Amino acid sequence: MIDFRAPLADLAARLPARARLIGLDLGTKTIGVAVSDVERRIASPLETIRRTKFSADAARLVEIAAAQQAAALVLGLPLNMDGTEGPRCQATRAFARNLAPLIAAPILFWDERLSTAAVTRSLIEQDASRAKRADVVDRMAAAYILQGALDILARLPQTR
């Protein structure tokens, strides 16, 4: 089992008092993007990037991170249900390795198991149409991932 809290605790000690975090839900066709408020309490869906090639995807993420003055990126890690890593985790880690030199903010991984399922279930409960769900699910999953990290950050001892 991967401990996601230790890297988050290390990051918390280095974060400025007021700075946004960006959440990412990396899919094969899209990248869901979410952003926190500067007090890092609430994650909000921001946009969905239609994936084309890495350079274009990375350029858009760098642009978003700069515009939001992001202190860090929280990237969902698609673990298997038993906690092991499969091919999707390897692809996610490779994406992060390639993105890291292009972006000033650190990149952390966060367990994203069932994030899309939880968001989809919530949208169904809200009677969102299939088309509406398809349009928002990726960025809402990014917000779900980011909110999980924000909730843990809020419980960590404040150093600043």
Protein backbone atom coordinates (compact mmCIF):
# COMPACT_ATOMS: atom_id res chain seq x y z
CA MET A 1 0.00 0.00 0.00
CA ILE A 2 1.35 3.39 -0.98
CA ASP A 3 1.45 6.08 1.71
CA PHE A 4 0.25 9.27 0.03
CA ARG A 5 0.23 11.28 3.26
CA ALA A 6 4.01 11.41 3.80
CA PRO A 7 4.79 13.30 0.56
CA LEU A 8 1.82 15.57 1.27
CA ALA A 9 3.15 16.30 4.77
CA ASP A 10 6.58 17.09 3.30
CA LEU A 11 4.96 19.44 0.80
CA ALA A 12 2.85 21.12 3.48
CA ALA A 13 5.99 22.28 5.27
CA ARG A 14 7.20 24.02 2.09
CA LEU A 15 3.94 25.60 0.89
CA PRO A 16 3.46 29.34 1.11
CA ALA A 17 0.66 30.44 3.42
CA ARG A 18 -1.71 31.28 0.56
CA ALA A 19 -1.30 29.43 -2.70
CA ARG A 20 -3.44 27.31 -4.99
CA LEU A 21 -3.00 23.66 -5.80
CA ILE A 22 -3.97 22.11 -9.12
CA GLY A 23 -5.60 18.68 -9.29
CA LEU A 24 -5.29 16.46 -12.35
CA ASP A 25 -7.22 13.40 -13.46
CA LEU A 26 -5.11 11.95 -16.26
CA GLY A 27 -7.03 9.84 -18.73
CA THR A 28 -6.11 8.39 -22.09
CA LYS A 29 -8.33 10.85 -23.98
CA THR A 30 -8.67 13.76 -21.56
CA ILE A 31 -7.08 15.45 -18.58
CA GLY A 32 -9.45 16.77 -15.96
CA VAL A 33 -8.17 19.90 -14.22
CA ALA A 34 -9.29 21.37 -10.91
CA VAL A 35 -7.99 24.21 -8.77
CA SER A 36 -8.14 25.00 -5.07
CA ASP A 37 -8.79 28.34 -3.50
CA VAL A 38 -5.71 30.11 -2.09
CA GLU A 39 -6.56 28.92 1.42
CA ARG A 40 -6.58 25.34 0.11
CA ARG A 41 -10.00 24.46 1.50
CA ILE A 42 -12.14 23.84 -1.58
CA ALA A 43 -11.35 22.19 -4.91
CA SER A 44 -13.30 23.42 -7.92
CA PRO A 45 -13.47 21.87 -11.39
CA LEU A 46 -11.65 24.07 -13.90
CA GLU A 47 -11.49 22.48 -17.35
CA THR A 48 -11.07 19.36 -19.39
CA ILE A 49 -8.14 19.17 -21.77
CA ARG A 50 -8.66 16.97 -24.83
CA ARG A 51 -5.40 15.07 -25.15
CA THR A 52 -3.54 15.32 -28.42
CA LYS A 53 0.19 14.93 -27.95
CA PHE A 54 2.33 15.33 -24.86
CA SER A 55 3.89 18.65 -25.86
CA ALA A 56 0.49 20.30 -26.40
CA ASP A 57 -0.98 18.76 -23.24
CA ALA A 58 2.04 19.84 -21.19
CA ALA A 59 2.01 23.35 -22.65
CA ARG A 60 -1.62 23.80 -21.57
CA LEU A 61 -0.88 22.48 -18.07
CA VAL A 62 2.12 24.80 -17.72
CA GLU A 63 -0.10 27.69 -18.84
CA ILE A 64 -2.80 26.81 -16.30
CA ALA A 65 -0.29 26.37 -13.47
CA ALA A 66 1.26 29.76 -14.24
CA ALA A 67 -2.11 31.51 -14.53
CA GLN A 68 -3.27 30.02 -11.22
CA GLN A 69 0.12 30.57 -9.55
CA ALA A 70 0.00 26.94 -8.47
CA ALA A 71 2.25 25.91 -5.60
CA ALA A 72 1.92 22.20 -6.50
CA LEU A 73 0.09 19.73 -8.70
CA VAL A 74 -1.80 16.75 -7.31
CA LEU A 75 -1.98 14.02 -9.92
CA GLY A 76 -4.39 11.14 -9.49
CA LEU A 77 -2.62 7.77 -9.46
CA PRO A 78 -4.90 5.03 -10.85
CA LEU A 79 -4.04 2.15 -8.54
CA ASN A 80 -5.66 -1.23 -8.93
CA MET A 81 -8.34 -2.01 -6.36
CA ASP A 82 -5.85 -4.14 -4.39
CA GLY A 83 -3.44 -1.19 -4.17
CA THR A 84 -0.97 -2.49 -6.73
CA GLU A 85 0.27 -0.52 -9.71
CA GLY A 86 -0.57 -1.55 -13.25
CA PRO A 87 0.08 -0.14 -16.72
CA ARG A 88 -2.08 2.96 -16.13
CA CYS A 89 0.03 3.87 -13.07
CA GLN A 90 3.19 3.42 -15.11
CA ALA A 91 1.79 5.74 -17.79
CA THR A 92 0.80 8.31 -15.16
CA ARG A 93 4.24 8.22 -13.55
CA ALA A 94 5.87 8.59 -17.00
CA PHE A 95 3.64 11.61 -17.73
CA ALA A 96 4.67 13.19 -14.41
CA ARG A 97 8.38 12.51 -15.09
CA ASN A 98 8.08 14.21 -18.48
CA LEU A 99 6.06 17.14 -17.12
CA ALA A 100 8.27 17.81 -14.06
CA PRO A 101 11.12 19.57 -15.91
CA LEU A 102 8.62 21.88 -17.64
CA ILE A 103 6.78 23.10 -14.57
CA ALA A 104 8.10 24.96 -11.54
CA ALA A 105 5.67 23.37 -9.06
CA PRO A 106 6.22 19.96 -7.47
CA ILE A 107 3.98 17.08 -8.58
CA LEU A 108 2.48 14.73 -6.00
CA PHE A 109 0.49 11.57 -6.56
CA TRP A 110 -2.86 10.91 -4.89
CA ASP A 111 -4.86 7.70 -4.82
CA GLU A 112 -7.66 8.13 -7.33
CA ARG A 113 -9.37 4.76 -6.98
CA LEU A 114 -13.09 5.09 -7.56
CA SER A 115 -12.93 8.87 -8.09
CA THR A 116 -14.62 8.76 -11.50
CA ALA A 117 -17.16 6.23 -10.22
CA ALA A 118 -18.00 8.44 -7.22
CA VAL A 119 -18.39 11.52 -9.40
CA THR A 120 -20.49 9.65 -11.97
CA ARG A 121 -22.74 8.28 -9.22
CA SER A 122 -23.16 11.80 -7.81
CA LEU A 123 -24.06 13.18 -11.25
CA ILE A 124 -26.59 10.39 -11.81
CA GLU A 125 -28.16 11.17 -8.43
CA GLN A 126 -28.45 14.79 -9.59
CA ASP A 127 -30.23 13.59 -12.74
CA ALA A 128 -27.49 14.89 -15.04
CA SER A 129 -27.93 13.69 -18.60
CA ARG A 130 -25.40 11.32 -20.14
CA ALA A 131 -24.11 14.17 -22.34
CA LYS A 132 -23.71 16.48 -19.32
CA ARG A 133 -21.91 13.75 -17.37
CA ALA A 134 -19.51 13.15 -20.26
CA ASP A 135 -18.79 16.87 -20.45
CA VAL A 136 -17.95 17.40 -16.75
CA VAL A 137 -16.89 14.05 -15.27
CA ASP A 138 -13.14 14.44 -15.86
CA ARG A 139 -12.76 17.88 -14.30
CA MET A 140 -15.08 16.88 -11.45
CA ALA A 141 -12.94 13.77 -10.86
CA ALA A 142 -9.90 16.07 -10.72
CA ALA A 143 -11.71 18.15 -8.08
CA TYR A 144 -12.57 14.97 -6.15
CA ILE A 145 -8.89 13.91 -6.20
CA LEU A 146 -7.70 17.38 -5.17
CA GLN A 147 -10.30 17.66 -2.41
CA GLY A 148 -9.00 14.43 -0.87
CA ALA A 149 -5.52 15.90 -0.69
CA LEU A 150 -6.85 19.22 0.64
CA ASP A 151 -8.78 17.44 3.40
CA ILE A 152 -5.60 15.71 4.59
CA LEU A 153 -3.59 18.94 4.32
CA ALA A 154 -6.14 20.66 6.57
CA ARG A 155 -5.48 18.04 9.28
CA LEU A 156 -1.69 18.38 9.20
CA PRO A 157 0.09 20.62 11.68
CA GLN A 158 0.49 24.09 10.24
CA THR A 159 4.07 25.23 9.96
CA ARG A 160 3.37 28.67 8.51
